[in-house]
Amino acid sequence: MIPLIQLQMGQSGMVRALHGGRRFVARLAALGFTPGAPVTIVRNNRFGPLIVTVRDTQIALGRGEAGRILVLLMEGQNGVTAG
């Protein structure tokens, strides 16, 4: 598992875990970030917010938030390592 923030544009992963307090986890779950949900990176410029697609909705996430969402990289995609 790797933090969502490490994925590059166009890469996809499956949400495995959310790390944070109850309010943070509840807010992300309400947005569709639940275990097993596929997530695709639309934009990750290494600064500013990430734009992701989850459950057919584009969402902007702060870099701190994206770092607390752990994903499993989808098969057939490489080039990202769990530093």
N, C-alpha and C. Protein backbone atom coordinates (compact mmCIF):
# COMPACT_ATOMS: atom_id res chain seq x y z
N MET A 1 0.84 -1.19 0.00
CA MET A 1 0.00 0.00 0.00
C MET A 1 0.88 1.24 0.00
N ILE A 2 0.42 2.24 -0.71
CA ILE A 2 1.15 3.50 -0.79
C ILE A 2 0.18 4.66 -0.61
N PRO A 3 0.68 5.81 -0.18
CA PRO A 3 -0.20 6.98 -0.07
C PRO A 3 -0.66 7.43 -1.46
N LEU A 4 -1.88 7.88 -1.55
CA LEU A 4 -2.46 8.35 -2.80
C LEU A 4 -1.60 9.43 -3.45
N ILE A 5 -0.95 10.24 -2.64
CA ILE A 5 -0.14 11.35 -3.13
C ILE A 5 1.02 10.88 -4.00
N GLN A 6 1.44 9.62 -3.88
CA GLN A 6 2.57 9.11 -4.66
C GLN A 6 2.18 8.66 -6.06
N LEU A 7 0.90 8.53 -6.35
CA LEU A 7 0.48 8.14 -7.69
C LEU A 7 0.68 9.29 -8.66
N GLN A 8 0.96 8.96 -9.89
CA GLN A 8 1.17 9.96 -10.92
C GLN A 8 -0.09 10.10 -11.77
N MET A 9 -0.14 11.16 -12.57
CA MET A 9 -1.30 11.42 -13.40
C MET A 9 -1.63 10.20 -14.26
N GLY A 10 -2.91 9.82 -14.25
CA GLY A 10 -3.38 8.69 -15.04
C GLY A 10 -3.33 7.36 -14.32
N GLN A 11 -2.60 7.28 -13.21
CA GLN A 11 -2.53 6.02 -12.48
C GLN A 11 -3.77 5.82 -11.61
N SER A 12 -4.09 4.56 -11.37
CA SER A 12 -5.26 4.22 -10.57
C SER A 12 -4.87 3.31 -9.42
N GLY A 13 -5.64 3.42 -8.36
CA GLY A 13 -5.44 2.55 -7.21
C GLY A 13 -6.78 2.25 -6.58
N MET A 14 -6.76 1.33 -5.62
CA MET A 14 -7.96 0.97 -4.88
C MET A 14 -7.77 1.39 -3.44
N VAL A 15 -8.73 2.13 -2.91
CA VAL A 15 -8.64 2.60 -1.52
C VAL A 15 -8.58 1.39 -0.58
N ARG A 16 -7.58 1.39 0.29
CA ARG A 16 -7.42 0.30 1.27
C ARG A 16 -7.63 0.80 2.69
N ALA A 17 -7.18 2.03 2.99
CA ALA A 17 -7.28 2.52 4.36
C ALA A 17 -7.24 4.05 4.38
N LEU A 18 -7.87 4.63 5.39
CA LEU A 18 -7.85 6.06 5.63
C LEU A 18 -7.26 6.27 7.02
N HIS A 19 -6.24 7.11 7.12
CA HIS A 19 -5.61 7.37 8.41
C HIS A 19 -5.94 8.79 8.85
N GLY A 20 -6.58 8.88 9.99
CA GLY A 20 -6.94 10.18 10.53
C GLY A 20 -8.00 10.02 11.59
N GLY A 21 -8.46 11.15 12.07
CA GLY A 21 -9.49 11.16 13.10
C GLY A 21 -10.86 10.79 12.54
N ARG A 22 -11.79 10.64 13.44
CA ARG A 22 -13.14 10.22 13.07
C ARG A 22 -13.79 11.18 12.07
N ARG A 23 -13.64 12.48 12.29
CA ARG A 23 -14.26 13.46 11.37
C ARG A 23 -13.63 13.41 9.98
N PHE A 24 -12.31 13.27 9.93
CA PHE A 24 -11.62 13.17 8.64
C PHE A 24 -12.09 11.94 7.87
N VAL A 25 -12.10 10.80 8.53
CA VAL A 25 -12.51 9.55 7.88
C VAL A 25 -13.97 9.63 7.45
N ALA A 26 -14.83 10.20 8.28
CA ALA A 26 -16.25 10.31 7.93
C ALA A 26 -16.44 11.23 6.72
N ARG A 27 -15.69 12.32 6.67
CA ARG A 27 -15.81 13.25 5.53
C ARG A 27 -15.37 12.60 4.23
N LEU A 28 -14.24 11.90 4.28
CA LEU A 28 -13.76 11.23 3.07
C LEU A 28 -14.69 10.10 2.65
N ALA A 29 -15.23 9.37 3.61
CA ALA A 29 -16.18 8.31 3.28
C ALA A 29 -17.42 8.89 2.61
N ALA A 30 -17.87 10.05 3.08
CA ALA A 30 -19.04 10.70 2.47
C ALA A 30 -18.74 11.14 1.03
N LEU A 31 -17.47 11.41 0.72
CA LEU A 31 -17.08 11.79 -0.63
C LEU A 31 -16.89 10.57 -1.54
N GLY A 32 -16.90 9.37 -0.96
CA GLY A 32 -16.76 8.15 -1.75
C GLY A 32 -15.48 7.38 -1.53
N PHE A 33 -14.60 7.87 -0.66
CA PHE A 33 -13.34 7.18 -0.38
C PHE A 33 -13.58 6.10 0.66
N THR A 34 -14.07 4.97 0.21
CA THR A 34 -14.32 3.83 1.09
C THR A 34 -13.45 2.67 0.63
N PRO A 35 -13.11 1.75 1.52
CA PRO A 35 -12.27 0.62 1.12
C PRO A 35 -12.85 -0.11 -0.09
N GLY A 36 -11.99 -0.32 -1.09
CA GLY A 36 -12.40 -1.00 -2.31
C GLY A 36 -12.77 -0.06 -3.45
N ALA A 37 -12.92 1.23 -3.16
CA ALA A 37 -13.30 2.20 -4.20
C ALA A 37 -12.10 2.49 -5.10
N PRO A 38 -12.30 2.44 -6.42
CA PRO A 38 -11.20 2.79 -7.33
C PRO A 38 -11.01 4.30 -7.39
N VAL A 39 -9.74 4.72 -7.46
CA VAL A 39 -9.39 6.14 -7.51
C VAL A 39 -8.39 6.33 -8.65
N THR A 40 -8.61 7.35 -9.47
CA THR A 40 -7.69 7.65 -10.57
C THR A 40 -7.19 9.09 -10.42
N ILE A 41 -5.89 9.28 -10.59
CA ILE A 41 -5.30 10.61 -10.50
C ILE A 41 -5.54 11.35 -11.80
N VAL A 42 -6.19 12.51 -11.72
CA VAL A 42 -6.40 13.37 -12.87
C VAL A 42 -5.27 14.38 -12.97
N ARG A 43 -4.85 14.92 -11.81
CA ARG A 43 -3.74 15.89 -11.78
C ARG A 43 -2.97 15.76 -10.48
N ASN A 44 -1.66 15.67 -10.60
CA ASN A 44 -0.76 15.67 -9.45
C ASN A 44 0.51 16.37 -9.89
N ASN A 45 0.56 17.68 -9.73
CA ASN A 45 1.69 18.48 -10.20
C ASN A 45 2.81 18.62 -9.17
N ARG A 46 2.75 17.85 -8.11
CA ARG A 46 3.74 17.92 -7.03
C ARG A 46 3.66 19.20 -6.22
N PHE A 47 2.66 20.03 -6.48
CA PHE A 47 2.36 21.19 -5.64
C PHE A 47 0.88 21.48 -5.83
N GLY A 48 0.27 22.10 -4.86
CA GLY A 48 -1.17 22.36 -4.94
C GLY A 48 -1.98 21.09 -4.75
N PRO A 49 -3.28 21.21 -4.89
CA PRO A 49 -4.15 20.06 -4.64
C PRO A 49 -4.05 19.00 -5.72
N LEU A 50 -4.39 17.77 -5.34
CA LEU A 50 -4.54 16.68 -6.29
C LEU A 50 -5.97 16.69 -6.78
N ILE A 51 -6.16 16.38 -8.04
CA ILE A 51 -7.50 16.20 -8.58
C ILE A 51 -7.62 14.70 -8.85
N VAL A 52 -8.63 14.08 -8.26
CA VAL A 52 -8.82 12.64 -8.42
C VAL A 52 -10.25 12.35 -8.85
N THR A 53 -10.44 11.20 -9.46
CA THR A 53 -11.77 10.72 -9.76
C THR A 53 -12.04 9.53 -8.85
N VAL A 54 -13.13 9.61 -8.12
CA VAL A 54 -13.58 8.50 -7.28
C VAL A 54 -15.09 8.39 -7.47
N ARG A 55 -15.54 7.20 -7.77
CA ARG A 55 -16.98 6.93 -8.00
C ARG A 55 -17.59 7.92 -8.99
N ASP A 56 -16.92 8.10 -10.13
CA ASP A 56 -17.38 8.97 -11.22
C ASP A 56 -17.52 10.44 -10.86
N THR A 57 -16.80 10.88 -9.83
CA THR A 57 -16.83 12.29 -9.41
C THR A 57 -15.40 12.79 -9.27
N GLN A 58 -15.11 13.97 -9.80
CA GLN A 58 -13.79 14.56 -9.61
C GLN A 58 -13.78 15.36 -8.32
N ILE A 59 -12.73 15.14 -7.54
CA ILE A 59 -12.61 15.79 -6.23
C ILE A 59 -11.20 16.34 -6.09
N ALA A 60 -11.09 17.55 -5.53
CA ALA A 60 -9.79 18.14 -5.22
C ALA A 60 -9.44 17.80 -3.78
N LEU A 61 -8.25 17.30 -3.58
CA LEU A 61 -7.77 16.95 -2.25
C LEU A 61 -6.50 17.71 -1.95
N GLY A 62 -6.39 18.19 -0.73
CA GLY A 62 -5.13 18.79 -0.29
C GLY A 62 -4.06 17.72 -0.21
N ARG A 63 -2.82 18.13 -0.32
CA ARG A 63 -1.72 17.17 -0.30
C ARG A 63 -1.65 16.41 1.02
N GLY A 64 -1.96 17.08 2.13
CA GLY A 64 -1.97 16.41 3.42
C GLY A 64 -3.04 15.34 3.50
N GLU A 65 -4.22 15.65 2.96
CA GLU A 65 -5.31 14.67 2.93
C GLU A 65 -4.93 13.46 2.08
N ALA A 66 -4.39 13.73 0.89
CA ALA A 66 -4.03 12.65 -0.02
C ALA A 66 -2.94 11.75 0.57
N GLY A 67 -2.12 12.30 1.42
CA GLY A 67 -1.07 11.51 2.05
C GLY A 67 -1.60 10.55 3.10
N ARG A 68 -2.82 10.76 3.54
CA ARG A 68 -3.41 9.89 4.57
C ARG A 68 -4.40 8.89 4.01
N ILE A 69 -4.48 8.82 2.67
CA ILE A 69 -5.31 7.83 2.00
C ILE A 69 -4.36 6.78 1.41
N LEU A 70 -4.45 5.55 1.90
CA LEU A 70 -3.59 4.49 1.40
C LEU A 70 -4.31 3.71 0.33
N VAL A 71 -3.60 3.46 -0.77
CA VAL A 71 -4.20 2.75 -1.90
C VAL A 71 -3.30 1.59 -2.30
N LEU A 72 -3.91 0.64 -2.98
CA LEU A 72 -3.20 -0.47 -3.59
C LEU A 72 -3.17 -0.17 -5.07
N LEU A 73 -1.98 -0.09 -5.65
CA LEU A 73 -1.82 0.24 -7.06
C LEU A 73 -2.50 -0.84 -7.90
N MET A 74 -3.26 -0.42 -8.91
CA MET A 74 -3.94 -1.38 -9.78
C MET A 74 -2.92 -2.16 -10.58
N GLU A 75 -3.24 -3.42 -10.89
CA GLU A 75 -2.33 -4.28 -11.65
C GLU A 75 -2.04 -3.67 -13.01
N GLY A 76 -0.84 -3.95 -13.51
CA GLY A 76 -0.45 -3.46 -14.81
C GLY A 76 0.13 -2.05 -14.79
N GLN A 77 0.16 -1.43 -13.61
CA GLN A 77 0.73 -0.08 -13.49
C GLN A 77 1.98 -0.17 -12.63
N ASN A 78 3.03 0.42 -13.12
CA ASN A 78 4.27 0.42 -12.33
C ASN A 78 4.89 1.80 -12.38
N GLY A 79 6.05 1.89 -11.81
CA GLY A 79 6.73 3.18 -11.79
C GLY A 79 6.53 3.94 -10.50
N VAL A 80 5.78 3.40 -9.57
CA VAL A 80 5.59 4.02 -8.27
C VAL A 80 6.08 3.06 -7.22
N THR A 81 6.90 3.56 -6.34
CA THR A 81 7.41 2.72 -5.26
C THR A 81 6.97 3.29 -3.93
N ALA A 82 6.94 2.43 -2.96
CA ALA A 82 6.50 2.82 -1.62
C ALA A 82 7.69 3.32 -0.81
N GLY A 83 8.43 4.30 -1.31
CA GLY A 83 9.54 4.97 -0.68
C GLY A 83 9.85 4.52 0.63
